[in-house]
Amino acid sequence: MYRDKWIGIMENYSSLSDNELLSMTVIGDKVAEEQLALRYTRLVKICSRPFFLVGGDGEDLIQEGMLGLLSAIREFDLSMNTSFKTYAEICVKRRIYSAIKSASRKKHEPLNDMVSFDDVLSDEINSSAVSYGDAYRRIPEEQVLARESVDEIIHTYSRCLSKFEVEILNLYLSGLSYSEIAETCGKTEKSVDNAVQRIRRKLAQNLYPSDNSKGCSQ
């Protein structure tokens, strides 16, 4: 009975716009906050998965991304003439980049190099006092472009992948779940997982090759 009632409440909230839900979170509506978090979970996956493929910890990346999303929900200013989705993406990426930068110092230097452009934001990442306007003013265009470097690297080394792996890669980076990818491709979830692990391995082999390795590692 309680579960059915809760599902009914969430269905009602799902029909509300982002701004309507955000207005409700301002007065402490936790259900509205949860609905926004559910609505943008896929965005978190899209932002985090490229880094997972080049060596990041999947669960940690998702957790950091969700923390960034939660900050966006709680700090978004409805008076600003910009969509919540745009602001949420900035907050999620900033949080993920900070975590990757910190972790990669202890692991692979190439991964650390990929996020070095984020220095200008690193001191602000974990501060809830960063204003909406400041977030935009502190992100020059060239840094936004530089943030595509991970995607560019994945695209470059995708030539090392099979046709099936490229298909899985594109669907995976779009934020689909394993079950959704499996249904789209007509494969099992296990096949999808195996393909993702092969993709990670091949990317790692080419990003961090041994001294004797040359060319595209298969």
Protein backbone atom coordinates (compact mmCIF):
# COMPACT_ATOMS: atom_id res chain seq x y z
CA MET A 1 0.00 0.00 0.00
CA TYR A 2 2.73 2.46 1.00
CA ARG A 3 4.81 1.53 -2.06
CA ASP A 4 1.86 2.12 -4.40
CA LYS A 5 1.18 5.48 -2.76
CA TRP A 6 4.84 6.48 -3.14
CA ILE A 7 4.87 5.47 -6.81
CA GLY A 8 1.75 7.56 -7.36
CA ILE A 9 3.37 10.58 -5.74
CA MET A 10 6.51 10.23 -7.88
CA GLU A 11 4.43 9.90 -11.03
CA ASN A 12 2.65 13.15 -10.19
CA TYR A 13 5.98 14.89 -9.60
CA SER A 14 7.44 13.53 -12.84
CA SER A 15 4.98 15.62 -14.84
CA LEU A 16 6.31 18.85 -13.35
CA SER A 17 8.90 21.01 -15.11
CA ASP A 18 12.41 21.51 -13.76
CA ASN A 19 11.60 25.01 -12.57
CA GLU A 20 8.44 23.86 -10.82
CA LEU A 21 10.37 21.17 -8.99
CA LEU A 22 13.18 23.59 -8.14
CA SER A 23 10.67 26.04 -6.68
CA MET A 24 9.42 23.24 -4.46
CA THR A 25 12.91 22.29 -3.29
CA VAL A 26 13.42 25.86 -2.07
CA ILE A 27 10.71 25.29 0.54
CA GLY A 28 12.21 21.96 1.56
CA ASP A 29 10.29 19.50 -0.61
CA LYS A 30 12.53 16.41 -0.57
CA VAL A 31 10.35 14.50 -3.02
CA ALA A 32 10.87 17.25 -5.60
CA GLU A 33 14.61 17.07 -4.95
CA GLU A 34 14.58 13.31 -5.43
CA GLN A 35 12.61 13.63 -8.66
CA LEU A 36 15.20 16.04 -10.07
CA ALA A 37 18.00 13.70 -9.03
CA LEU A 38 16.28 10.80 -10.82
CA ARG A 39 15.61 12.95 -13.88
CA TYR A 40 19.29 13.85 -14.28
CA THR A 41 20.93 10.58 -13.29
CA ARG A 42 21.56 9.84 -16.96
CA LEU A 43 23.38 13.18 -17.29
CA VAL A 44 25.70 12.09 -14.49
CA LYS A 45 26.40 8.84 -16.34
CA ILE A 46 27.12 10.68 -19.59
CA CYS A 47 29.57 13.00 -17.81
CA SER A 48 31.35 10.25 -15.87
CA ARG A 49 31.59 7.36 -18.31
CA PRO A 50 34.38 8.71 -20.53
CA PHE A 51 36.60 8.90 -17.45
CA PHE A 52 35.60 5.40 -16.37
CA LEU A 53 36.68 4.09 -19.76
CA VAL A 54 40.14 5.64 -19.45
CA GLY A 55 40.80 4.29 -15.97
CA GLY A 56 38.53 5.92 -13.41
CA ASP A 57 36.55 4.06 -10.75
CA GLY A 58 32.96 3.80 -11.97
CA GLU A 59 31.21 3.88 -8.60
CA ASP A 60 33.35 6.74 -7.31
CA LEU A 61 32.74 8.78 -10.46
CA ILE A 62 28.97 8.29 -10.24
CA GLN A 63 29.01 9.20 -6.56
CA GLU A 64 30.98 12.38 -7.21
CA GLY A 65 28.71 13.25 -10.12
CA MET A 66 25.59 12.78 -8.00
CA LEU A 67 27.07 15.04 -5.32
CA GLY A 68 27.64 17.65 -8.01
CA LEU A 69 24.04 17.23 -9.17
CA LEU A 70 22.75 17.60 -5.62
CA SER A 71 24.74 20.82 -5.25
CA ALA A 72 23.25 22.09 -8.50
CA ILE A 73 19.72 21.36 -7.29
CA ARG A 74 20.29 23.16 -4.00
CA GLU A 75 22.22 26.14 -5.38
CA PHE A 76 20.43 26.88 -8.66
CA ASP A 77 19.09 30.43 -8.90
CA LEU A 78 15.74 30.52 -10.67
CA SER A 79 16.25 34.19 -11.50
CA MET A 80 19.11 33.37 -13.87
CA ASN A 81 18.24 33.24 -17.56
CA THR A 82 19.77 29.79 -18.12
CA SER A 83 18.34 26.29 -17.99
CA PHE A 84 18.88 24.07 -14.99
CA LYS A 85 20.24 21.34 -17.26
CA THR A 86 23.09 23.57 -18.40
CA TYR A 87 23.95 24.54 -14.84
CA ALA A 88 23.67 20.95 -13.60
CA GLU A 89 26.08 19.74 -16.28
CA ILE A 90 28.65 22.33 -15.21
CA CYS A 91 28.34 21.34 -11.53
CA VAL A 92 28.52 17.61 -12.27
CA LYS A 93 31.58 17.98 -14.50
CA ARG A 94 33.38 20.24 -12.05
CA ARG A 95 32.88 17.73 -9.25
CA ILE A 96 34.00 14.79 -11.40
CA TYR A 97 37.04 16.64 -12.78
CA SER A 98 38.16 17.54 -9.28
CA ALA A 99 37.89 13.92 -8.12
CA ILE A 100 39.69 12.61 -11.22
CA LYS A 101 42.46 15.15 -10.86
CA SER A 102 43.03 14.19 -7.25
CA ALA A 103 42.96 10.44 -7.88
CA SER A 104 45.05 10.51 -11.04
CA ARG A 105 48.00 12.08 -9.22
CA LYS A 106 48.37 8.72 -7.53
CA LYS A 107 47.78 6.65 -10.67
CA HIS A 108 48.27 7.43 -14.35
CA GLU A 109 49.91 10.71 -15.30
CA PRO A 110 48.22 10.88 -18.75
CA LEU A 111 44.81 10.94 -17.06
CA ASN A 112 46.02 13.72 -14.78
CA ASP A 113 47.20 15.70 -17.82
CA MET A 114 43.74 15.44 -19.37
CA VAL A 115 42.17 17.38 -16.52
CA SER A 116 45.00 19.82 -15.79
CA PHE A 117 43.08 22.58 -17.54
CA ASP A 118 40.65 22.61 -14.63
CA ASP A 119 43.07 24.35 -12.27
CA VAL A 120 41.12 27.58 -12.38
CA LEU A 121 38.16 25.85 -10.75
CA SER A 122 39.89 23.38 -8.45
CA ASP A 123 39.86 25.64 -5.39
CA GLU A 124 36.11 26.13 -5.70
CA ILE A 125 34.88 22.63 -6.46
CA ASN A 126 33.84 21.62 -2.97
CA SER A 127 32.58 25.02 -1.84
CA SER A 128 28.83 25.48 -1.64
CA ALA A 129 29.41 29.24 -1.63
CA VAL A 130 30.23 29.42 -5.34
CA SER A 131 27.55 31.59 -6.92
CA TYR A 132 25.75 30.76 -10.16
CA GLY A 133 27.15 33.82 -11.95
CA ASP A 134 30.70 33.13 -10.81
CA ALA A 135 30.53 29.60 -12.19
CA TYR A 136 29.97 30.97 -15.67
CA ARG A 137 32.40 33.87 -15.43
CA ARG A 138 35.21 31.57 -14.31
CA ILE A 139 34.97 29.19 -17.29
CA PRO A 140 36.69 30.65 -20.40
CA GLU A 141 35.65 29.25 -23.76
CA GLU A 142 39.02 27.60 -24.34
CA GLN A 143 38.64 25.59 -21.12
CA VAL A 144 35.21 24.36 -22.13
CA LEU A 145 36.71 23.18 -25.42
CA ALA A 146 39.64 21.57 -23.61
CA ARG A 147 37.22 19.54 -21.55
CA GLU A 148 36.40 17.52 -24.63
CA SER A 149 39.93 16.04 -24.58
CA VAL A 150 38.84 12.77 -22.99
CA ASP A 151 36.14 12.28 -25.62
CA GLU A 152 38.68 13.09 -28.34
CA ILE A 153 41.10 10.51 -26.98
CA ILE A 154 38.38 7.86 -26.90
CA HIS A 155 37.41 8.75 -30.48
CA THR A 156 41.04 8.51 -31.59
CA TYR A 157 41.57 5.06 -30.14
CA SER A 158 38.16 3.75 -31.21
CA ARG A 159 39.91 2.61 -34.40
CA CYS A 160 41.37 -0.15 -32.25
CA LEU A 161 37.89 -1.49 -31.52
CA SER A 162 35.74 -3.94 -33.41
CA LYS A 163 32.53 -2.77 -35.09
CA PHE A 164 30.49 -4.29 -32.26
CA GLU A 165 32.65 -2.60 -29.63
CA VAL A 166 32.26 0.78 -31.34
CA GLU A 167 28.49 0.30 -31.29
CA ILE A 168 28.58 -0.57 -27.59
CA LEU A 169 30.90 2.37 -26.92
CA ASN A 170 28.56 4.89 -28.51
CA LEU A 171 25.51 3.55 -26.66
CA TYR A 172 27.43 3.40 -23.38
CA LEU A 173 28.62 6.99 -23.70
CA SER A 174 25.04 8.10 -24.36
CA GLY A 175 24.19 7.07 -20.79
CA LEU A 176 22.16 3.94 -21.49
CA SER A 177 22.09 1.14 -18.92
CA TYR A 178 23.47 -2.31 -19.72
CA SER A 179 19.92 -3.64 -20.08
CA GLU A 180 18.99 -0.84 -22.50
CA ILE A 181 22.13 -1.42 -24.55
CA ALA A 182 21.50 -5.17 -24.60
CA GLU A 183 17.94 -4.64 -25.82
CA THR A 184 19.08 -2.20 -28.52
CA CYS A 185 21.79 -4.54 -29.81
CA GLY A 186 19.92 -7.80 -29.33
CA LYS A 187 22.63 -9.08 -26.99
CA THR A 188 22.78 -10.22 -23.39
CA GLU A 189 23.81 -7.90 -20.58
CA LYS A 190 26.82 -10.15 -20.03
CA SER A 191 27.91 -9.59 -23.64
CA VAL A 192 27.57 -5.85 -23.13
CA ASP A 193 29.61 -5.95 -19.91
CA ASN A 194 32.31 -8.05 -21.59
CA ALA A 195 32.48 -5.54 -24.45
CA VAL A 196 32.80 -2.59 -22.07
CA GLN A 197 35.62 -4.33 -20.22
CA ARG A 198 37.41 -5.05 -23.52
CA ILE A 199 37.03 -1.40 -24.50
CA ARG A 200 38.54 -0.29 -21.18
CA ARG A 201 41.42 -2.71 -21.61
CA LYS A 202 42.18 -1.58 -25.16
CA LEU A 203 42.02 2.08 -24.22
CA ALA A 204 44.35 1.46 -21.28
CA GLN A 205 46.80 -0.43 -23.50
CA ASN A 206 46.95 2.49 -25.90
CA LEU A 207 46.89 5.31 -23.35
CA TYR A 208 49.54 3.73 -21.15
CA PRO A 209 51.59 1.53 -23.53
CA SER A 210 54.73 -0.33 -22.53
CA ASP A 211 58.05 0.93 -23.88
CA ASN A 212 58.12 -1.76 -26.53
CA SER A 213 54.54 -1.41 -27.73
CA LYS A 214 53.82 0.48 -30.93
CA GLY A 215 50.74 1.24 -32.95
CA CYS A 216 47.21 0.32 -32.06
CA SER A 217 47.06 -2.39 -29.40
CA GLN A 218 44.38 -4.98 -30.03
